Amino acid sequence: MHSGRDFRIFLTAQTLSALGDAFSFVAIPLLVLRATGSLVQMGAVTALVGASSILTGLFAGYLADRVDRRALLITCDIARCLLYGLIPLVWLFSPQVWLLYAIMPLTGAFAMQFQVTYVTVVPGLVKEDQITKANGHLYSAYSVAGVAGPLLAGLVSALVGPAMAIAVDATSFALSAAGIALIKFRATPQTPPHQTPLKDFLAGAEFLWRHPALRALTALLSLLIFITYGLTDLIIYYLKHDLGHSDRTVGYVLAAATLGSLLAATTVASARRHLGFAACWIGSWALCGTAIAFLGLSPGVLLVGALAVVQLFATGTAGICSMSFRQEVTPDHLLGRVTASFWTIHNTLGPLGVAALTGAASRYGIKTACLTAGTLCTLTALTALKTPIRTPN
């Protein structure tokens, strides 16, 4: 599988892009916090990105199943390169928080289109029985980038400010676009030419509804995303505001946390093969909820980092299993539409979740917010035992 030239290039390009994403993952919240000092405004920017992703999901599948997928991926990378590149240029003269409110929803839209299209091309790069392993290797590469990215972003932000860290993100998207241009993807499958984007979205939603396990996954993930979507903002705020640590420490913690993603990527194929889909998915989300519940009780940075590792291990394992299962059961000509519908539907409550979680933390404190969110996350995961997720095939 991994000896193929196209897969190696794809893996390299996405690693570079993930490295840049990790920079903005840390730098954008720090930029907002430095300029405003407000957890609510951090949540507002995150919520706007989530809302734009949801709107994009209504037509992302339409494009992914009709437009040349390589050209679409390149376009999304170039657009994000230009948008992120504008932030450090403006910040050289004067911080302008309104610019983040304008740019971040656009980057979220292009990211959503990229993610939907990316899922559709993976099955064309590997054999069918290697999809979970391929997703694991890709996730592993992202995790390695995720370790280096937040660490470097924290250092760069501490030395020259978070705006310059975002410039690294912009460069990474340019390199990713150059790499994708070298890949030969399988031709985009033929689809009905006269469908509207709304009908395409509904076609994907109908497939999800008719498949018992995908229907249950979509419903439960909608609740889980609502509960956990604003967690990164809480961790950053807790470290900076409650525990009084520096940008550099934030970078260290988030870098260490991605070791959980790396562990998930290297173990998920074996875990799913031996334990099955249901045990991996349900158990992972229950573990995630437990980690979140204890996060607000952490008296120091080391325990915060350890619990963040557990949380990312759990969500990484569940995410890879979910994506691989969807790729396995969905016909190729529907994969873009099903992926767009799946992500759009279960992300719909995300912006409201960010507002609820950051608002609760601001009013009642991080401890109460994390304990409540973690408990709800675990209980939601356990309800899957009463659904077709127990026997997905």
Protein backbone atom coordinates (compact mmCIF):
# COMPACT_ATOMS: atom_id res chain seq x y z
CA MET A 1 0.00 0.00 0.00
CA HIS A 2 2.56 2.58 1.10
CA SER A 3 5.08 1.81 -1.62
CA GLY A 4 2.92 3.67 -4.14
CA ARG A 5 4.33 6.98 -5.28
CA ASP A 6 0.98 8.76 -5.13
CA PHE A 7 0.21 7.68 -1.58
CA ARG A 8 3.68 8.73 -0.37
CA ILE A 9 3.28 12.18 -1.92
CA PHE A 10 -0.23 12.49 -0.52
CA LEU A 11 1.02 11.52 2.93
CA THR A 12 3.87 14.06 2.76
CA ALA A 13 1.62 16.86 1.52
CA GLN A 14 -0.93 16.27 4.25
CA THR A 15 1.76 16.10 6.92
CA LEU A 16 2.98 19.54 5.87
CA SER A 17 -0.56 20.88 5.88
CA ALA A 18 -1.23 19.35 9.29
CA LEU A 19 1.93 20.97 10.65
CA GLY A 20 0.62 24.35 9.57
CA ASP A 21 -2.83 23.62 10.95
CA ALA A 22 -1.26 22.88 14.30
CA PHE A 23 0.26 26.36 14.29
CA SER A 24 -3.09 28.10 13.75
CA PHE A 25 -4.72 25.68 16.21
CA VAL A 26 -2.64 27.36 18.92
CA ALA A 27 -1.96 30.78 17.42
CA ILE A 28 -5.53 31.89 16.60
CA PRO A 29 -6.88 31.47 20.17
CA LEU A 30 -3.74 33.10 21.55
CA LEU A 31 -4.15 35.97 19.12
CA VAL A 32 -7.73 36.57 20.26
CA LEU A 33 -6.81 36.20 23.93
CA ARG A 34 -3.91 38.64 23.66
CA ALA A 35 -6.03 41.21 21.89
CA THR A 36 -9.22 40.91 23.97
CA GLY A 37 -8.50 38.83 27.09
CA SER A 38 -11.92 37.24 26.56
CA LEU A 39 -12.79 33.54 26.66
CA VAL A 40 -16.18 34.38 25.14
CA GLN A 41 -14.54 36.00 22.10
CA MET A 42 -12.27 32.97 21.71
CA GLY A 43 -15.41 30.85 21.64
CA ALA A 44 -17.11 33.23 19.21
CA VAL A 45 -14.34 32.86 16.61
CA THR A 46 -14.42 29.09 17.01
CA ALA A 47 -18.21 29.10 16.67
CA LEU A 48 -18.06 31.15 13.45
CA VAL A 49 -15.62 28.65 11.94
CA GLY A 50 -17.98 25.85 12.89
CA ALA A 51 -20.98 27.64 11.40
CA SER A 52 -19.21 28.25 8.10
CA SER A 53 -18.22 24.58 7.97
CA ILE A 54 -21.85 23.58 8.40
CA LEU A 55 -23.01 25.86 5.58
CA THR A 56 -20.24 24.61 3.30
CA GLY A 57 -21.28 21.05 4.01
CA LEU A 58 -24.56 21.69 2.18
CA PHE A 59 -22.71 21.80 -1.16
CA ALA A 60 -19.29 20.26 -0.40
CA GLY A 61 -20.43 16.79 -1.45
CA TYR A 62 -21.95 18.19 -4.63
CA LEU A 63 -18.55 19.54 -5.65
CA ALA A 64 -16.51 16.55 -4.44
CA ASP A 65 -18.58 14.11 -6.50
CA ARG A 66 -18.56 16.23 -9.68
CA VAL A 67 -15.48 18.48 -9.90
CA ASP A 68 -11.97 17.19 -10.53
CA ARG A 69 -10.89 16.24 -7.01
CA ARG A 70 -7.23 17.13 -7.40
CA ALA A 71 -8.10 20.61 -8.66
CA LEU A 72 -10.55 21.03 -5.80
CA LEU A 73 -7.97 20.08 -3.17
CA ILE A 74 -5.39 22.43 -4.68
CA THR A 75 -7.89 25.31 -4.79
CA CYS A 76 -8.74 24.84 -1.12
CA ASP A 77 -5.05 24.83 -0.15
CA ILE A 78 -4.21 27.96 -2.16
CA ALA A 79 -7.22 29.82 -0.78
CA ARG A 80 -6.22 29.03 2.80
CA CYS A 81 -2.62 30.03 2.07
CA LEU A 82 -3.77 33.48 0.94
CA LEU A 83 -6.28 33.97 3.74
CA TYR A 84 -3.93 32.95 6.56
CA GLY A 85 -1.12 34.94 4.95
CA LEU A 86 -3.19 38.11 5.22
CA ILE A 87 -3.34 37.96 9.04
CA PRO A 88 0.38 38.45 9.80
CA LEU A 89 0.61 41.12 7.10
CA VAL A 90 -2.12 43.18 8.76
CA TRP A 91 -0.76 42.50 12.25
CA LEU A 92 2.57 44.04 11.23
CA PHE A 93 0.82 47.41 11.25
CA SER A 94 -1.85 47.02 13.93
CA PRO A 95 -3.85 44.17 15.52
CA GLN A 96 -7.31 44.00 13.97
CA VAL A 97 -9.54 41.46 15.70
CA TRP A 98 -12.36 42.11 13.24
CA LEU A 99 -10.15 40.60 10.54
CA LEU A 100 -10.21 37.26 12.34
CA TYR A 101 -14.01 37.36 12.39
CA ALA A 102 -13.94 37.92 8.62
CA ILE A 103 -11.18 35.49 7.64
CA MET A 104 -11.66 32.50 9.94
CA PRO A 105 -15.14 31.58 8.66
CA LEU A 106 -13.71 31.55 5.12
CA THR A 107 -10.83 29.31 6.15
CA GLY A 108 -13.37 27.06 7.85
CA ALA A 109 -15.37 26.81 4.62
CA PHE A 110 -12.33 25.84 2.53
CA ALA A 111 -11.21 23.42 5.26
CA MET A 112 -14.60 21.68 5.19
CA GLN A 113 -14.50 21.34 1.40
CA PHE A 114 -10.95 20.00 1.60
CA GLN A 115 -11.84 17.47 4.29
CA VAL A 116 -14.85 16.13 2.39
CA THR A 117 -12.82 15.79 -0.81
CA TYR A 118 -9.86 14.28 1.02
CA VAL A 119 -12.03 11.46 2.37
CA THR A 120 -13.24 10.62 -1.15
CA VAL A 121 -9.73 10.17 -2.61
CA VAL A 122 -8.23 7.89 0.05
CA PRO A 123 -10.09 4.74 -1.14
CA GLY A 124 -8.67 5.36 -4.63
CA LEU A 125 -5.10 5.37 -3.34
CA VAL A 126 -5.18 2.06 -1.43
CA LYS A 127 -6.84 -1.36 -1.62
CA GLU A 128 -10.23 -1.78 0.01
CA ASP A 129 -8.99 -3.98 2.83
CA GLN A 130 -6.28 -1.43 3.65
CA ILE A 131 -8.53 1.60 4.21
CA THR A 132 -8.42 1.52 8.02
CA LYS A 133 -4.64 1.03 7.96
CA ALA A 134 -4.22 3.87 5.46
CA ASN A 135 -6.34 6.20 7.56
CA GLY A 136 -4.30 5.17 10.58
CA HIS A 137 -1.02 6.01 8.82
CA LEU A 138 -2.39 9.36 7.67
CA TYR A 139 -3.62 10.08 11.17
CA SER A 140 -0.22 9.04 12.49
CA ALA A 141 1.47 11.57 10.22
CA TYR A 142 -0.96 14.24 11.39
CA SER A 143 -0.16 13.30 14.97
CA VAL A 144 3.58 13.70 14.44
CA ALA A 145 2.90 17.10 12.93
CA GLY A 146 0.57 17.78 15.83
CA VAL A 147 3.36 17.17 18.32
CA ALA A 148 5.80 19.49 16.57
CA GLY A 149 3.23 22.10 15.55
CA PRO A 150 1.88 23.28 18.92
CA LEU A 151 5.35 23.08 20.44
CA LEU A 152 6.85 25.26 17.73
CA ALA A 153 3.79 27.51 17.67
CA GLY A 154 4.12 28.13 21.40
CA LEU A 155 7.79 28.97 20.99
CA VAL A 156 7.24 31.22 17.96
CA SER A 157 4.29 32.94 19.67
CA ALA A 158 6.37 33.56 22.78
CA LEU A 159 9.29 34.96 20.76
CA VAL A 160 7.65 36.99 17.97
CA GLY A 161 3.92 36.73 18.61
CA PRO A 162 1.13 34.42 17.43
CA ALA A 163 0.56 36.40 14.23
CA MET A 164 3.91 35.27 12.85
CA ALA A 165 3.12 31.68 13.79
CA ILE A 166 0.15 31.90 11.45
CA ALA A 167 2.53 32.81 8.62
CA VAL A 168 4.00 29.32 8.95
CA ASP A 169 0.50 27.91 8.47
CA ALA A 170 0.10 29.87 5.24
CA THR A 171 3.39 28.51 3.89
CA SER A 172 2.40 24.93 4.69
CA PHE A 173 -0.73 25.17 2.54
CA ALA A 174 1.34 26.35 -0.42
CA LEU A 175 3.63 23.33 -0.03
CA SER A 176 0.64 21.00 0.30
CA ALA A 177 -0.89 22.35 -2.91
CA ALA A 178 2.40 21.77 -4.76
CA GLY A 179 2.51 18.18 -3.55
CA ILE A 180 -1.08 17.40 -4.50
CA ALA A 181 -0.42 18.72 -8.00
CA LEU A 182 1.99 15.78 -8.51
CA ILE A 183 -0.56 13.07 -7.60
CA LYS A 184 -2.60 11.04 -10.09
CA PHE A 185 -6.00 10.49 -8.53
CA ARG A 186 -8.66 8.11 -9.75
CA ALA A 187 -11.16 9.86 -12.03
CA THR A 188 -14.17 11.41 -10.30
CA PRO A 189 -17.08 8.96 -10.73
CA GLN A 190 -20.00 9.85 -12.95
CA THR A 191 -22.98 11.34 -11.14
CA PRO A 192 -26.39 12.61 -12.33
CA PRO A 193 -25.62 15.95 -14.03
CA HIS A 194 -28.79 17.86 -13.17
CA GLN A 195 -29.02 17.40 -9.43
CA THR A 196 -29.00 20.56 -7.31
CA PRO A 197 -26.65 20.89 -4.31
CA LEU A 198 -29.64 20.54 -1.98
CA LYS A 199 -30.78 17.33 -3.66
CA ASP A 200 -27.22 16.01 -3.48
CA PHE A 201 -27.07 16.82 0.22
CA LEU A 202 -30.40 15.06 0.75
CA ALA A 203 -29.14 12.05 -1.23
CA GLY A 204 -26.25 11.73 1.21
CA ALA A 205 -28.56 12.25 4.18
CA GLU A 206 -30.95 9.61 2.84
CA PHE A 207 -28.12 7.06 2.63
CA LEU A 208 -27.19 7.84 6.25
CA TRP A 209 -30.81 7.45 7.34
CA ARG A 210 -31.29 4.13 5.56
CA HIS A 211 -28.13 2.60 7.06
CA PRO A 212 -28.97 1.75 10.71
CA ALA A 213 -25.44 2.07 12.09
CA LEU A 214 -24.65 5.30 10.21
CA ARG A 215 -27.97 6.75 11.34
CA ALA A 216 -27.13 6.09 14.98
CA LEU A 217 -23.55 7.35 14.57
CA THR A 218 -24.78 10.60 13.06
CA ALA A 219 -27.28 11.21 15.84
CA LEU A 220 -24.91 10.43 18.69
CA LEU A 221 -22.01 12.36 17.17
CA SER A 222 -24.25 15.41 16.90
CA LEU A 223 -24.63 15.33 20.67
CA LEU A 224 -20.96 14.53 21.30
CA ILE A 225 -19.77 17.41 19.08
CA PHE A 226 -22.15 19.77 20.91
CA ILE A 227 -20.62 18.71 24.22
CA THR A 228 -16.91 18.79 23.26
CA TYR A 229 -16.50 21.30 20.41
CA GLY A 230 -15.12 24.11 22.57
CA LEU A 231 -12.75 22.00 24.65
CA THR A 232 -9.50 23.39 23.18
CA ASP A 233 -10.54 26.95 24.04
CA LEU A 234 -11.18 25.81 27.61
CA ILE A 235 -7.77 24.15 27.91
CA ILE A 236 -5.95 27.24 26.60
CA TYR A 237 -7.93 29.59 28.84
CA TYR A 238 -7.44 27.33 31.88
CA LEU A 239 -3.68 27.20 31.37
CA LYS A 240 -3.35 30.93 30.69
CA HIS A 241 -5.94 32.44 33.03
CA ASP A 242 -6.50 30.03 35.92
CA LEU A 243 -3.03 28.47 36.17
CA GLY A 244 -1.10 31.54 34.94
CA HIS A 245 1.17 29.87 32.40
CA SER A 246 2.82 31.35 29.29
CA ASP A 247 2.16 30.87 25.57
CA ARG A 248 5.16 28.56 25.49
CA THR A 249 3.61 26.31 28.13
CA VAL A 250 0.35 26.20 26.17
CA GLY A 251 2.34 24.99 23.18
CA TYR A 252 4.09 22.32 25.26
CA VAL A 253 0.81 21.00 26.64
CA LEU A 254 -1.01 20.87 23.31
CA ALA A 255 2.04 19.31 21.67
CA ALA A 256 2.20 16.62 24.36
CA ALA A 257 -1.54 16.04 24.01
CA THR A 258 -1.17 15.04 20.37
CA LEU A 259 0.89 12.05 21.49
CA GLY A 260 -2.54 10.60 22.24
CA SER A 261 -3.48 11.02 18.57
CA LEU A 262 -0.24 9.31 17.55
CA LEU A 263 -0.94 6.39 19.85
CA ALA A 264 -4.47 6.10 18.44
CA ALA A 265 -3.16 6.09 14.88
CA THR A 266 -0.68 3.30 15.54
CA THR A 267 -3.08 1.05 17.46
CA VAL A 268 -6.50 1.59 15.88
CA ALA A 269 -6.23 -0.98 13.06
CA SER A 270 -5.23 -3.74 15.45
CA ALA A 271 -7.77 -2.65 18.07
CA ARG A 272 -10.63 -2.66 15.60
CA ARG A 273 -9.59 -6.01 14.18
CA HIS A 274 -9.51 -7.67 17.63
CA LEU A 275 -12.19 -5.76 19.53
CA GLY A 276 -14.56 -4.77 16.75
CA PHE A 277 -15.98 -1.42 15.72
CA ALA A 278 -18.53 -1.08 18.53
CA ALA A 279 -16.11 -1.65 21.41
CA CYS A 280 -13.56 0.75 19.93
CA TRP A 281 -16.03 3.55 19.18
CA ILE A 282 -18.17 3.35 22.32
CA GLY A 283 -15.25 2.71 24.65
CA SER A 284 -13.24 5.58 23.18
CA TRP A 285 -15.97 8.17 23.65
CA ALA A 286 -16.68 6.95 27.20
CA LEU A 287 -12.96 7.31 27.98
CA CYS A 288 -12.97 10.79 26.43
CA GLY A 289 -15.79 11.88 28.72
CA THR A 290 -13.93 10.61 31.78
CA ALA A 291 -10.81 12.58 30.82
CA ILE A 292 -12.82 15.77 30.28
CA ALA A 293 -14.59 15.43 33.63
CA PHE A 294 -11.28 15.32 35.51
CA LEU A 295 -9.66 18.07 33.42
CA GLY A 296 -11.12 20.93 35.44
CA LEU A 297 -9.99 19.28 38.67
CA SER A 298 -6.34 19.25 37.60
CA PRO A 299 -4.20 21.29 40.01
CA GLY A 300 -1.21 21.61 37.68
CA VAL A 301 -0.03 21.62 34.12
CA LEU A 302 1.29 18.04 34.11
CA LEU A 303 -2.10 16.52 34.88
CA VAL A 304 -3.80 18.79 32.35
CA GLY A 305 -1.37 17.51 29.72
CA ALA A 306 -1.88 13.87 30.70
CA LEU A 307 -5.66 14.13 30.52
CA ALA A 308 -5.42 15.95 27.19
CA VAL A 309 -3.35 12.99 25.89
CA VAL A 310 -6.10 10.58 26.96
CA GLN A 311 -8.79 12.76 25.40
CA LEU A 312 -7.06 12.94 22.00
CA PHE A 313 -6.27 9.21 22.08
CA ALA A 314 -9.95 8.50 22.60
CA THR A 315 -11.30 10.88 19.95
CA GLY A 316 -8.60 9.78 17.52
CA THR A 317 -9.49 6.11 17.85
CA ALA A 318 -13.22 6.81 17.52
CA GLY A 319 -12.70 9.16 14.57
CA ILE A 320 -10.54 6.79 12.53
CA CYS A 321 -12.97 3.91 13.14
CA SER A 322 -15.94 6.04 12.14
CA MET A 323 -14.36 7.39 8.96
CA SER A 324 -13.06 4.00 7.85
CA PHE A 325 -16.42 2.33 8.43
CA ARG A 326 -18.17 5.04 6.38
CA GLN A 327 -15.67 4.63 3.52
CA GLU A 328 -16.16 0.86 3.55
CA VAL A 329 -19.96 0.85 3.36
CA THR A 330 -20.55 3.82 1.04
CA PRO A 331 -20.46 3.43 -2.79
CA ASP A 332 -17.71 5.56 -4.37
CA HIS A 333 -20.13 7.66 -6.44
CA LEU A 334 -21.94 8.68 -3.22
CA LEU A 335 -18.94 9.06 -0.91
CA GLY A 336 -18.56 12.83 -1.26
CA ARG A 337 -22.23 13.50 -0.64
CA VAL A 338 -22.49 11.05 2.24
CA THR A 339 -19.35 12.49 3.88
CA ALA A 340 -20.60 16.08 3.49
CA SER A 341 -24.02 15.20 4.89
CA PHE A 342 -22.50 13.22 7.76
CA TRP A 343 -20.15 16.01 8.84
CA THR A 344 -22.64 18.80 8.27
CA ILE A 345 -25.39 17.14 10.28
CA HIS A 346 -23.28 16.11 13.25
CA ASN A 347 -21.43 19.46 13.31
CA THR A 348 -24.64 21.50 13.23
CA LEU A 349 -24.80 21.81 17.00
CA GLY A 350 -21.06 22.55 17.30
CA PRO A 351 -21.25 26.38 17.29
CA LEU A 352 -24.02 26.29 19.89
CA GLY A 353 -21.91 23.88 21.92
CA VAL A 354 -18.93 26.24 21.86
CA ALA A 355 -21.10 29.11 23.05
CA ALA A 356 -22.65 26.96 25.78
CA LEU A 357 -19.35 25.48 27.00
CA THR A 358 -17.31 28.69 27.00
CA GLY A 359 -20.25 30.64 28.44
CA ALA A 360 -20.68 28.10 31.24
CA ALA A 361 -16.96 28.13 31.97
CA SER A 362 -16.92 31.93 32.07
CA ARG A 363 -19.89 32.04 34.45
CA TYR A 364 -19.47 28.95 36.63
CA GLY A 365 -15.78 28.15 36.22
CA ILE A 366 -13.72 25.60 34.32
CA LYS A 367 -14.19 22.91 36.99
CA THR A 368 -17.99 22.86 36.74
CA ALA A 369 -18.02 23.14 32.96
CA CYS A 370 -15.59 20.23 32.47
CA LEU A 371 -17.30 17.99 35.01
CA THR A 372 -20.68 18.55 33.37
CA ALA A 373 -19.37 18.13 29.81
CA GLY A 374 -17.41 14.99 30.69
CA THR A 375 -20.36 13.33 32.40
CA LEU A 376 -22.67 14.07 29.49
CA CYS A 377 -20.08 12.79 27.01
CA THR A 378 -19.71 9.45 28.79
CA LEU A 379 -23.47 8.97 29.19
CA THR A 380 -24.04 9.75 25.50
CA ALA A 381 -21.40 7.21 24.46
CA LEU A 382 -22.97 4.48 26.60
CA THR A 383 -26.38 4.97 24.97
CA ALA A 384 -24.81 3.53 21.81
CA LEU A 385 -25.06 0.13 23.48
CA LYS A 386 -28.80 0.30 22.75
CA THR A 387 -28.35 1.14 19.05
CA PRO A 388 -27.30 -0.68 15.84
CA ILE A 389 -23.75 0.57 16.47
CA ARG A 390 -23.34 -2.60 18.56
CA THR A 391 -23.61 -4.67 15.35
CA PRO A 392 -22.69 -2.20 12.55
CA ASN A 393 -22.39 -4.79 9.78
